[in-house]
């Protein structure tokens, strides 16, 4: 078996908070989120009061997808604001 390297990292959160530090640039390349009725996740760059970069609204089905291309760019870390969402996992570089 040969070895390989990857620059992909993974973070999981169950409450609002900073998933990637504001001192770090990041690109989200995959998102998984469990759900209940009227769920949403908002990703911001620059902390809780920062710029909203992406918003996802979904029902009880949750979400699970890879972001095409180079991913979603965050210049000042990734902050997560979630509603009716028990947990969110992101893959990022």
PDB file of N, CA and C in Angstrom:
ATOM      1  N   UNK A   1       0.849  -1.177   0.000  1.00  0.00           N
ATOM      2  CA  UNK A   1       0.000   0.000   0.000  1.00  0.00           C
ATOM      3  C   UNK A   1       0.887   1.230   0.000  1.00  0.00           C
ATOM      4  N   UNK A   2       0.628   2.126  -0.917  1.00  0.00           N
ATOM      5  CA  UNK A   2       1.436   3.344  -0.968  1.00  0.00           C
ATOM      6  C   UNK A   2       0.783   4.443  -0.146  1.00  0.00           C
ATOM      7  N   UNK A   3       1.592   5.347   0.346  1.00  0.00           N
ATOM      8  CA  UNK A   3       1.088   6.463   1.141  1.00  0.00           C
ATOM      9  C   UNK A   3       0.679   7.621   0.247  1.00  0.00           C
ATOM     10  N   UNK A   4      -0.082   8.513   0.784  1.00  0.00           N
ATOM     11  CA  UNK A   4      -0.464   9.715   0.070  1.00  0.00           C
ATOM     12  C   UNK A   4      -0.625  10.837   1.075  1.00  0.00           C
ATOM     13  N   UNK A   5      -0.636  12.055   0.596  1.00  0.00           N
ATOM     14  CA  UNK A   5      -0.854  13.199   1.468  1.00  0.00           C
ATOM     15  C   UNK A   5      -2.072  13.961   0.984  1.00  0.00           C
ATOM     16  N   UNK A   6      -2.719  14.650   1.893  1.00  0.00           N
ATOM     17  CA  UNK A   6      -3.887  15.444   1.555  1.00  0.00           C
ATOM     18  C   UNK A   6      -3.885  16.684   2.422  1.00  0.00           C
ATOM     19  N   UNK A   7      -4.325  17.785   1.872  1.00  0.00           N
ATOM     20  CA  UNK A   7      -4.417  19.004   2.661  1.00  0.00           C
ATOM     21  C   UNK A   7      -5.842  19.244   3.159  1.00  0.00           C
ATOM     22  N   UNK A   8      -6.710  18.234   3.051  1.00  0.00           N
ATOM     23  CA  UNK A   8      -8.086  18.342   3.531  1.00  0.00           C
ATOM     24  C   UNK A   8      -8.123  18.191   5.052  1.00  0.00           C
ATOM     25  N   UNK A   9      -8.892  19.030   5.712  1.00  0.00           N
ATOM     26  CA  UNK A   9      -9.126  18.946   7.149  1.00  0.00           C
ATOM     27  C   UNK A   9     -10.627  18.830   7.374  1.00  0.00           C
ATOM     28  N   UNK A  10     -11.019  18.385   8.565  1.00  0.00           N
ATOM     29  CA  UNK A  10     -12.430  18.208   8.897  1.00  0.00           C
ATOM     30  C   UNK A  10     -12.709  18.859  10.244  1.00  0.00           C
ATOM     31  N   UNK A  11     -13.864  19.543  10.340  1.00  0.00           N
ATOM     32  CA  UNK A  11     -14.309  20.131  11.610  1.00  0.00           C
ATOM     33  C   UNK A  11     -15.783  19.807  11.803  1.00  0.00           C
ATOM     34  N   UNK A  12     -16.172  19.587  13.060  1.00  0.00           N
ATOM     35  CA  UNK A  12     -17.565  19.277  13.392  1.00  0.00           C
ATOM     36  C   UNK A  12     -18.026  20.222  14.492  1.00  0.00           C
ATOM     37  N   UNK A  13     -19.271  20.673  14.417  1.00  0.00           N
ATOM     38  CA  UNK A  13     -19.826  21.550  15.442  1.00  0.00           C
ATOM     39  C   UNK A  13     -21.287  21.195  15.698  1.00  0.00           C
ATOM     40  N   UNK A  14     -21.717  21.389  16.949  1.00  0.00           N
ATOM     41  CA  UNK A  14     -23.110  21.155  17.328  1.00  0.00           C
ATOM     42  C   UNK A  14     -23.776  22.430  17.843  1.00  0.00           C
ATOM     43  N   UNK A  15     -23.044  23.547  17.762  1.00  0.00           N
ATOM     44  CA  UNK A  15     -23.578  24.840  18.201  1.00  0.00           C
ATOM     45  C   UNK A  15     -22.880  25.941  17.403  1.00  0.00           C
ATOM     46  N   UNK A  16     -23.446  27.149  17.452  1.00  0.00           N
ATOM     47  CA  UNK A  16     -22.813  28.290  16.795  1.00  0.00           C
ATOM     48  C   UNK A  16     -21.379  28.415  17.283  1.00  0.00           C
ATOM     49  N   UNK A  17     -20.468  28.763  16.378  1.00  0.00           N
ATOM     50  CA  UNK A  17     -19.094  28.968  16.803  1.00  0.00           C
ATOM     51  C   UNK A  17     -18.117  29.014  15.656  1.00  0.00           C
ATOM     52  N   UNK A  18     -16.884  29.334  16.005  1.00  0.00           N
ATOM     53  CA  UNK A  18     -15.800  29.441  15.046  1.00  0.00           C
ATOM     54  C   UNK A  18     -15.282  28.046  14.707  1.00  0.00           C
ATOM     55  N   UNK A  19     -15.422  27.633  13.464  1.00  0.00           N
ATOM     56  CA  UNK A  19     -14.966  26.299  13.044  1.00  0.00           C
ATOM     57  C   UNK A  19     -13.518  26.326  12.560  1.00  0.00           C
ATOM     58  N   UNK A  20     -13.122  27.425  11.917  1.00  0.00           N
ATOM     59  CA  UNK A  20     -11.744  27.643  11.475  1.00  0.00           C
ATOM     60  C   UNK A  20     -11.362  29.029  11.989  1.00  0.00           C
ATOM     61  N   UNK A  21     -10.198  29.178  12.643  1.00  0.00           N
ATOM     62  CA  UNK A  21      -9.817  30.465  13.239  1.00  0.00           C
ATOM     63  C   UNK A  21      -9.837  31.627  12.240  1.00  0.00           C
ATOM     64  N   UNK A  22     -10.163  32.817  12.728  1.00  0.00           N
ATOM     65  CA  UNK A  22     -10.229  34.003  11.863  1.00  0.00           C
ATOM     66  C   UNK A  22      -8.871  34.374  11.288  1.00  0.00           C
ATOM     67  N   UNK A  23      -7.809  33.864  11.853  1.00  0.00           N
ATOM     68  CA  UNK A  23      -6.461  34.136  11.338  1.00  0.00           C
ATOM     69  C   UNK A  23      -6.094  33.218  10.181  1.00  0.00           C
ATOM     70  N   UNK A  24      -6.998  32.320   9.811  1.00  0.00           N
ATOM     71  CA  UNK A  24      -6.715  31.316   8.780  1.00  0.00           C
ATOM     72  C   UNK A  24      -7.656  31.459   7.590  1.00  0.00           C
ATOM     73  N   UNK A  25      -7.108  31.411   6.414  1.00  0.00           N
ATOM     74  CA  UNK A  25      -7.895  31.371   5.181  1.00  0.00           C
ATOM     75  C   UNK A  25      -8.351  29.927   4.963  1.00  0.00           C
ATOM     76  N   UNK A  26      -9.567  29.726   4.454  1.00  0.00           N
ATOM     77  CA  UNK A  26     -10.070  28.366   4.262  1.00  0.00           C
ATOM     78  C   UNK A  26     -11.001  28.308   3.061  1.00  0.00           C
ATOM     79  N   UNK A  27     -11.097  27.099   2.490  1.00  0.00           N
ATOM     80  CA  UNK A  27     -12.066  26.821   1.426  1.00  0.00           C
ATOM     81  C   UNK A  27     -12.862  25.591   1.838  1.00  0.00           C
ATOM     82  N   UNK A  28     -14.180  25.760   2.026  1.00  0.00           N
ATOM     83  CA  UNK A  28     -15.032  24.609   2.332  1.00  0.00           C
ATOM     84  C   UNK A  28     -15.211  23.807   1.054  1.00  0.00           C
ATOM     85  N   UNK A  29     -14.931  22.499   1.149  1.00  0.00           N
ATOM     86  CA  UNK A  29     -15.039  21.623  -0.012  1.00  0.00           C
ATOM     87  C   UNK A  29     -16.124  20.564   0.152  1.00  0.00           C
ATOM     88  N   UNK A  30     -16.667  20.422   1.359  1.00  0.00           N
ATOM     89  CA  UNK A  30     -17.746  19.473   1.595  1.00  0.00           C
ATOM     90  C   UNK A  30     -18.526  19.850   2.839  1.00  0.00           C
ATOM     91  N   UNK A  31     -19.826  19.561   2.841  1.00  0.00           N
ATOM     92  CA  UNK A  31     -20.701  19.903   3.970  1.00  0.00           C
ATOM     93  C   UNK A  31     -21.652  18.743   4.234  1.00  0.00           C
ATOM     94  N   UNK A  32     -21.775  18.370   5.502  1.00  0.00           N
ATOM     95  CA  UNK A  32     -22.792  17.420   5.954  1.00  0.00           C
ATOM     96  C   UNK A  32     -23.505  18.066   7.126  1.00  0.00           C
ATOM     97  N   UNK A  33     -24.822  17.984   7.148  1.00  0.00           N
ATOM     98  CA  UNK A  33     -25.587  18.534   8.263  1.00  0.00           C
ATOM     99  C   UNK A  33     -26.826  17.679   8.497  1.00  0.00           C
ATOM    100  N   UNK A  34     -27.038  17.305   9.745  1.00  0.00           N
ATOM    101  CA  UNK A  34     -28.280  16.630  10.107  1.00  0.00           C
ATOM    102  C   UNK A  34     -29.325  17.715  10.340  1.00  0.00           C
ATOM    103  N   UNK A  35     -30.593  17.318  10.400  1.00  0.00           N
ATOM    104  CA  UNK A  35     -31.626  18.354  10.413  1.00  0.00           C
ATOM    105  C   UNK A  35     -32.867  17.944  11.170  1.00  0.00           C
ATOM    106  N   UNK A  36     -33.660  18.952  11.459  1.00  0.00           N
ATOM    107  CA  UNK A  36     -35.038  18.791  11.891  1.00  0.00           C
ATOM    108  C   UNK A  36     -35.828  19.768  11.018  1.00  0.00           C
ATOM    109  N   UNK A  37     -37.074  19.991  11.288  1.00  0.00           N
ATOM    110  CA  UNK A  37     -37.874  20.879  10.443  1.00  0.00           C
ATOM    111  C   UNK A  37     -37.294  22.292  10.432  1.00  0.00           C
ATOM    112  N   UNK A  38     -37.337  22.937   9.290  1.00  0.00           N
ATOM    113  CA  UNK A  38     -36.904  24.326   9.110  1.00  0.00           C
ATOM    114  C   UNK A  38     -35.475  24.571   9.593  1.00  0.00           C
ATOM    115  N   UNK A  39     -34.552  23.767   9.110  1.00  0.00           N
ATOM    116  CA  UNK A  39     -33.144  23.899   9.493  1.00  0.00           C
ATOM    117  C   UNK A  39     -32.436  24.897   8.583  1.00  0.00           C
ATOM    118  N   UNK A  40     -31.378  25.508   9.131  1.00  0.00           N
ATOM    119  CA  UNK A  40     -30.525  26.366   8.309  1.00  0.00           C
ATOM    120  C   UNK A  40     -29.127  26.419   8.898  1.00  0.00           C
ATOM    121  N   UNK A  41     -28.160  26.625   8.006  1.00  0.00           N
ATOM    122  CA  UNK A  41     -26.797  26.894   8.432  1.00  0.00           C
ATOM    123  C   UNK A  41     -26.294  28.095   7.650  1.00  0.00           C
ATOM    124  N   UNK A  42     -25.604  28.966   8.350  1.00  0.00           N
ATOM    125  CA  UNK A  42     -25.019  30.161   7.744  1.00  0.00           C
ATOM    126  C   UNK A  42     -23.530  30.120   8.033  1.00  0.00           C
ATOM    127  N   UNK A  43     -22.719  30.285   6.999  1.00  0.00           N
ATOM    128  CA  UNK A  43     -21.274  30.343   7.153  1.00  0.00           C
ATOM    129  C   UNK A  43     -20.826  31.782   6.939  1.00  0.00           C
ATOM    130  N   UNK A  44     -20.006  32.286   7.866  1.00  0.00           N
ATOM    131  CA  UNK A  44     -19.508  33.659   7.793  1.00  0.00           C
ATOM    132  C   UNK A  44     -17.986  33.668   7.819  1.00  0.00           C
ATOM    133  N   UNK A  45     -17.407  34.690   7.220  1.00  0.00           N
ATOM    134  CA  UNK A  45     -15.977  34.937   7.279  1.00  0.00           C
ATOM    135  C   UNK A  45     -15.767  36.154   8.171  1.00  0.00           C
ATOM    136  N   UNK A  46     -14.856  36.042   9.154  1.00  0.00           N
ATOM    137  CA  UNK A  46     -14.590  37.178  10.034  1.00  0.00           C
ATOM    138  C   UNK A  46     -15.288  37.103  11.371  1.00  0.00           C
ATOM    139  N   UNK A  47     -15.735  35.931  11.783  1.00  0.00           N
ATOM    140  CA  UNK A  47     -16.361  35.761  13.095  1.00  0.00           C
ATOM    141  C   UNK A  47     -17.863  35.948  13.068  1.00  0.00           C
ATOM    142  N   UNK A  48     -18.463  35.994  14.258  1.00  0.00           N
ATOM    143  CA  UNK A  48     -19.929  36.043  14.373  1.00  0.00           C
ATOM    144  C   UNK A  48     -20.539  37.292  13.745  1.00  0.00           C
ATOM    145  N   UNK A  49     -19.817  38.395  13.739  1.00  0.00           N
ATOM    146  CA  UNK A  49     -20.318  39.625  13.136  1.00  0.00           C
ATOM    147  C   UNK A  49     -19.772  39.856  11.742  1.00  0.00           C
ATOM    148  N   UNK A  50     -19.148  38.834  11.171  1.00  0.00           N
ATOM    149  CA  UNK A  50     -18.489  38.961   9.873  1.00  0.00           C
ATOM    150  C   UNK A  50     -19.444  38.915   8.693  1.00  0.00           C
ATOM    151  N   UNK A  51     -18.874  38.727   7.541  1.00  0.00           N
ATOM    152  CA  UNK A  51     -19.605  38.713   6.276  1.00  0.00           C
ATOM    153  C   UNK A  51     -20.205  37.337   6.020  1.00  0.00           C
ATOM    154  N   UNK A  52     -21.494  37.304   5.727  1.00  0.00           N
ATOM    155  CA  UNK A  52     -22.143  36.042   5.364  1.00  0.00           C
ATOM    156  C   UNK A  52     -21.674  35.641   3.975  1.00  0.00           C
ATOM    157  N   UNK A  53     -21.133  34.432   3.882  1.00  0.00           N
ATOM    158  CA  UNK A  53     -20.619  33.920   2.614  1.00  0.00           C
ATOM    159  C   UNK A  53     -21.602  32.930   1.985  1.00  0.00           C
ATOM    160  N   UNK A  54     -22.212  32.066   2.808  1.00  0.00           N
ATOM    161  CA  UNK A  54     -23.128  31.057   2.269  1.00  0.00           C
ATOM    162  C   UNK A  54     -24.225  30.748   3.279  1.00  0.00           C
ATOM    163  N   UNK A  55     -25.442  30.581   2.779  1.00  0.00           N
ATOM    164  CA  UNK A  55     -26.596  30.212   3.597  1.00  0.00           C
ATOM    165  C   UNK A  55     -27.282  29.010   2.959  1.00  0.00           C
ATOM    166  N   UNK A  56     -27.585  28.007   3.780  1.00  0.00           N
ATOM    167  CA  UNK A  56     -28.281  26.808   3.308  1.00  0.00           C
ATOM    168  C   UNK A  56     -29.524  26.607   4.166  1.00  0.00           C
ATOM    169  N   UNK A  57     -30.679  26.447   3.535  1.00  0.00           N
ATOM    170  CA  UNK A  57     -31.948  26.212   4.210  1.00  0.00           C
ATOM    171  C   UNK A  57     -32.465  24.861   3.730  1.00  0.00           C
ATOM    172  N   UNK A  58     -32.864  24.002   4.668  1.00  0.00           N
ATOM    173  CA  UNK A  58     -33.281  22.659   4.301  1.00  0.00           C
ATOM    174  C   UNK A  58     -34.237  22.102   5.338  1.00  0.00           C
ATOM    175  N   UNK A  59     -34.883  21.026   5.001  1.00  0.00           N
ATOM    176  CA  UNK A  59     -35.843  20.384   5.900  1.00  0.00           C
ATOM    177  C   UNK A  59     -35.228  19.192   6.597  1.00  0.00           C
ATOM    178  N   UNK A  60     -36.042  18.243   6.939  1.00  0.00           N
ATOM    179  CA  UNK A  60     -35.615  17.092   7.730  1.00  0.00           C
ATOM    180  C   UNK A  60     -34.643  16.170   6.990  1.00  0.00           C
ATOM    181  N   UNK A  61     -34.471  16.373   5.683  1.00  0.00           N
ATOM    182  CA  UNK A  61     -33.570  15.509   4.920  1.00  0.00           C
ATOM    183  C   UNK A  61     -32.091  15.777   5.188  1.00  0.00           C
ATOM    184  N   UNK A  62     -31.757  16.942   5.740  1.00  0.00           N
ATOM    185  CA  UNK A  62     -30.356  17.288   5.955  1.00  0.00           C
ATOM    186  C   UNK A  62     -29.670  17.582   4.631  1.00  0.00           C
ATOM    187  N   UNK A  63     -28.364  17.772   4.690  1.00  0.00           N
ATOM    188  CA  UNK A  63     -27.597  17.977   3.462  1.00  0.00           C
ATOM    189  C   UNK A  63     -26.300  17.185   3.548  1.00  0.00           C
ATOM    190  N   UNK A  64     -25.796  16.805   2.390  1.00  0.00           N
ATOM    191  CA  UNK A  64     -24.549  16.051   2.299  1.00  0.00           C
ATOM    192  C   UNK A  64     -24.036  16.224   0.883  1.00  0.00           C
ATOM    193  N   UNK A  65     -23.037  17.086   0.692  1.00  0.00           N
ATOM    194  CA  UNK A  65     -22.536  17.294  -0.663  1.00  0.00           C
ATOM    195  C   UNK A  65     -21.113  17.819  -0.668  1.00  0.00           C
ATOM    196  N   UNK A  66     -20.460  17.623  -1.801  1.00  0.00           N
ATOM    197  CA  UNK A  66     -19.146  18.190  -2.050  1.00  0.00           C
ATOM    198  C   UNK A  66     -19.339  19.465  -2.841  1.00  0.00           C
ATOM    199  N   UNK A  67     -18.552  20.471  -2.535  1.00  0.00           N
ATOM    200  CA  UNK A  67     -18.632  21.743  -3.241  1.00  0.00           C
ATOM    201  C   UNK A  67     -17.758  21.636  -4.490  1.00  0.00           C
ATOM    202  N   UNK A  68     -18.298  21.929  -5.659  1.00  0.00           N
ATOM    203  CA  UNK A  68     -17.517  21.785  -6.892  1.00  0.00           C
ATOM    204  C   UNK A  68     -16.399  22.831  -7.003  1.00  0.00           C
ATOM    205  N   UNK A  69     -15.497  22.578  -7.927  1.00  0.00           N
ATOM    206  CA  UNK A  69     -14.405  23.524  -8.188  1.00  0.00           C
ATOM    207  C   UNK A  69     -13.447  23.593  -7.015  1.00  0.00           C
ATOM    208  N   UNK A  70     -13.061  24.794  -6.669  1.00  0.00           N
ATOM    209  CA  UNK A  70     -12.091  25.006  -5.584  1.00  0.00           C
ATOM    210  C   UNK A  70     -12.749  25.185  -4.226  1.00  0.00           C
ATOM    211  N   UNK A  71     -14.060  25.024  -4.130  1.00  0.00           N
ATOM    212  CA  UNK A  71     -14.754  25.197  -2.853  1.00  0.00           C
ATOM    213  C   UNK A  71     -15.219  26.626  -2.633  1.00  0.00           C
ATOM    214  N   UNK A  72     -15.687  26.896  -1.409  1.00  0.00           N
ATOM    215  CA  UNK A  72     -16.182  28.222  -1.038  1.00  0.00           C
ATOM    216  C   UNK A  72     -15.100  28.898  -0.208  1.00  0.00           C
ATOM    217  N   UNK A  73     -14.623  30.058  -0.653  1.00  0.00           N
ATOM    218  CA  UNK A  73     -13.500  30.745  -0.023  1.00  0.00           C
ATOM    219  C   UNK A  73     -13.932  31.610   1.164  1.00  0.00           C
ATOM    220  N   UNK A  74     -13.181  31.492   2.257  1.00  0.00           N
ATOM    221  CA  UNK A  74     -13.350  32.311   3.457  1.00  0.00           C
ATOM    222  C   UNK A  74     -11.990  32.916   3.782  1.00  0.00           C
ATOM    223  N   UNK A  75     -11.861  34.235   3.667  1.00  0.00           N
ATOM    224  CA  UNK A  75     -10.574  34.895   3.916  1.00  0.00           C
ATOM    225  C   UNK A  75     -10.212  34.972   5.395  1.00  0.00           C
ATOM    226  N   UNK A  76     -11.228  35.021   6.266  1.00  0.00           N
ATOM    227  CA  UNK A  76     -10.972  35.173   7.703  1.00  0.00           C
ATOM    228  C   UNK A  76     -11.675  34.079   8.501  1.00  0.00           C
ATOM    229  N   UNK A  77     -11.276  32.841   8.278  1.00  0.00           N
ATOM    230  CA  UNK A  77     -11.846  31.726   9.017  1.00  0.00           C
ATOM    231  C   UNK A  77     -13.274  31.430   8.633  1.00  0.00           C
ATOM    232  N   UNK A  78     -13.836  30.418   9.307  1.00  0.00           N
ATOM    233  CA  UNK A  78     -15.221  29.998   9.049  1.00  0.00           C
ATOM    234  C   UNK A  78     -15.981  30.013  10.367  1.00  0.00           C
ATOM    235  N   UNK A  79     -17.012  30.847  10.433  1.00  0.00           N
ATOM    236  CA  UNK A  79     -17.905  30.897  11.594  1.00  0.00           C
ATOM    237  C   UNK A  79     -19.223  30.243  11.197  1.00  0.00           C
ATOM    238  N   UNK A  80     -19.770  29.412  12.072  1.00  0.00           N
ATOM    239  CA  UNK A  80     -21.021  28.705  11.806  1.00  0.00           C
ATOM    240  C   UNK A  80     -22.139  29.261  12.681  1.00  0.00           C
ATOM    241  N   UNK A  81     -23.258  29.591  12.032  1.00  0.00           N
ATOM    242  CA  UNK A  81     -24.491  29.983  12.735  1.00  0.00           C
ATOM    243  C   UNK A  81     -25.548  28.977  12.298  1.00  0.00           C
ATOM    244  N   UNK A  82     -26.030  28.157  13.235  1.00  0.00           N
ATOM    245  CA  UNK A  82     -26.998  27.131  12.851  1.00  0.00           C
ATOM    246  C   UNK A  82     -28.320  27.295  13.574  1.00  0.00           C
ATOM    247  N   UNK A  83     -29.388  26.833  12.913  1.00  0.00           N
ATOM    248  CA  UNK A  83     -30.742  26.873  13.451  1.00  0.00           C
ATOM    249  C   UNK A  83     -31.395  25.514  13.225  1.00  0.00           C
ATOM    250  N   UNK A  84     -31.926  24.921  14.297  1.00  0.00           N
ATOM    251  CA  UNK A  84     -32.600  23.613  14.216  1.00  0.00           C
ATOM    252  C   UNK A  84     -31.745  22.564  13.514  1.00  0.00           C
ATOM    253  N   UNK A  85     -30.452  22.631  13.745  1.00  0.00           N
ATOM    254  CA  UNK A  85     -29.515  21.710  13.119  1.00  0.00           C
ATOM    255  C   UNK A  85     -28.665  21.065  14.211  1.00  0.00           C
ATOM    256  N   UNK A  86     -28.831  19.760  14.457  1.00  0.00           N
ATOM    257  CA  UNK A  86     -28.108  19.106  15.541  1.00  0.00           C
ATOM    258  C   UNK A  86     -26.602  19.035  15.367  1.00  0.00           C
ATOM    259  N   UNK A  87     -26.130  19.047  14.124  1.00  0.00           N
ATOM    260  CA  UNK A  87     -24.689  18.964  13.907  1.00  0.00           C
ATOM    261  C   UNK A  87     -24.308  19.254  12.483  1.00  0.00           C
ATOM    262  N   UNK A  88     -23.104  19.841  12.314  1.00  0.00           N
ATOM    263  CA  UNK A  88     -22.580  20.175  10.996  1.00  0.00           C
ATOM    264  C   UNK A  88     -21.119  19.722  10.928  1.00  0.00           C
ATOM    265  N   UNK A  89     -20.754  19.069   9.830  1.00  0.00           N
ATOM    266  CA  UNK A  89     -19.375  18.696   9.576  1.00  0.00           C
ATOM    267  C   UNK A  89     -18.944  19.314   8.264  1.00  0.00           C
ATOM    268  N   UNK A  90     -17.780  19.981   8.276  1.00  0.00           N
ATOM    269  CA  UNK A  90     -17.237  20.526   7.038  1.00  0.00           C
ATOM    270  C   UNK A  90     -15.889  19.891   6.733  1.00  0.00           C
ATOM    271  N   UNK A  91     -15.611  19.762   5.458  1.00  0.00           N
ATOM    272  CA  UNK A  91     -14.279  19.419   4.974  1.00  0.00           C
ATOM    273  C   UNK A  91     -13.735  20.685   4.347  1.00  0.00           C
ATOM    274  N   UNK A  92     -12.473  21.025   4.651  1.00  0.00           N
ATOM    275  CA  UNK A  92     -11.920  22.272   4.143  1.00  0.00           C
ATOM    276  C   UNK A  92     -10.422  22.156   3.908  1.00  0.00           C
ATOM    277  N   UNK A  93      -9.919  23.088   3.120  1.00  0.00           N
ATOM    278  CA  UNK A  93      -8.473  23.191   2.913  1.00  0.00           C
ATOM    279  C   UNK A  93      -8.005  24.523   3.426  1.00  0.00           C
TER     280      UNK A  93
END
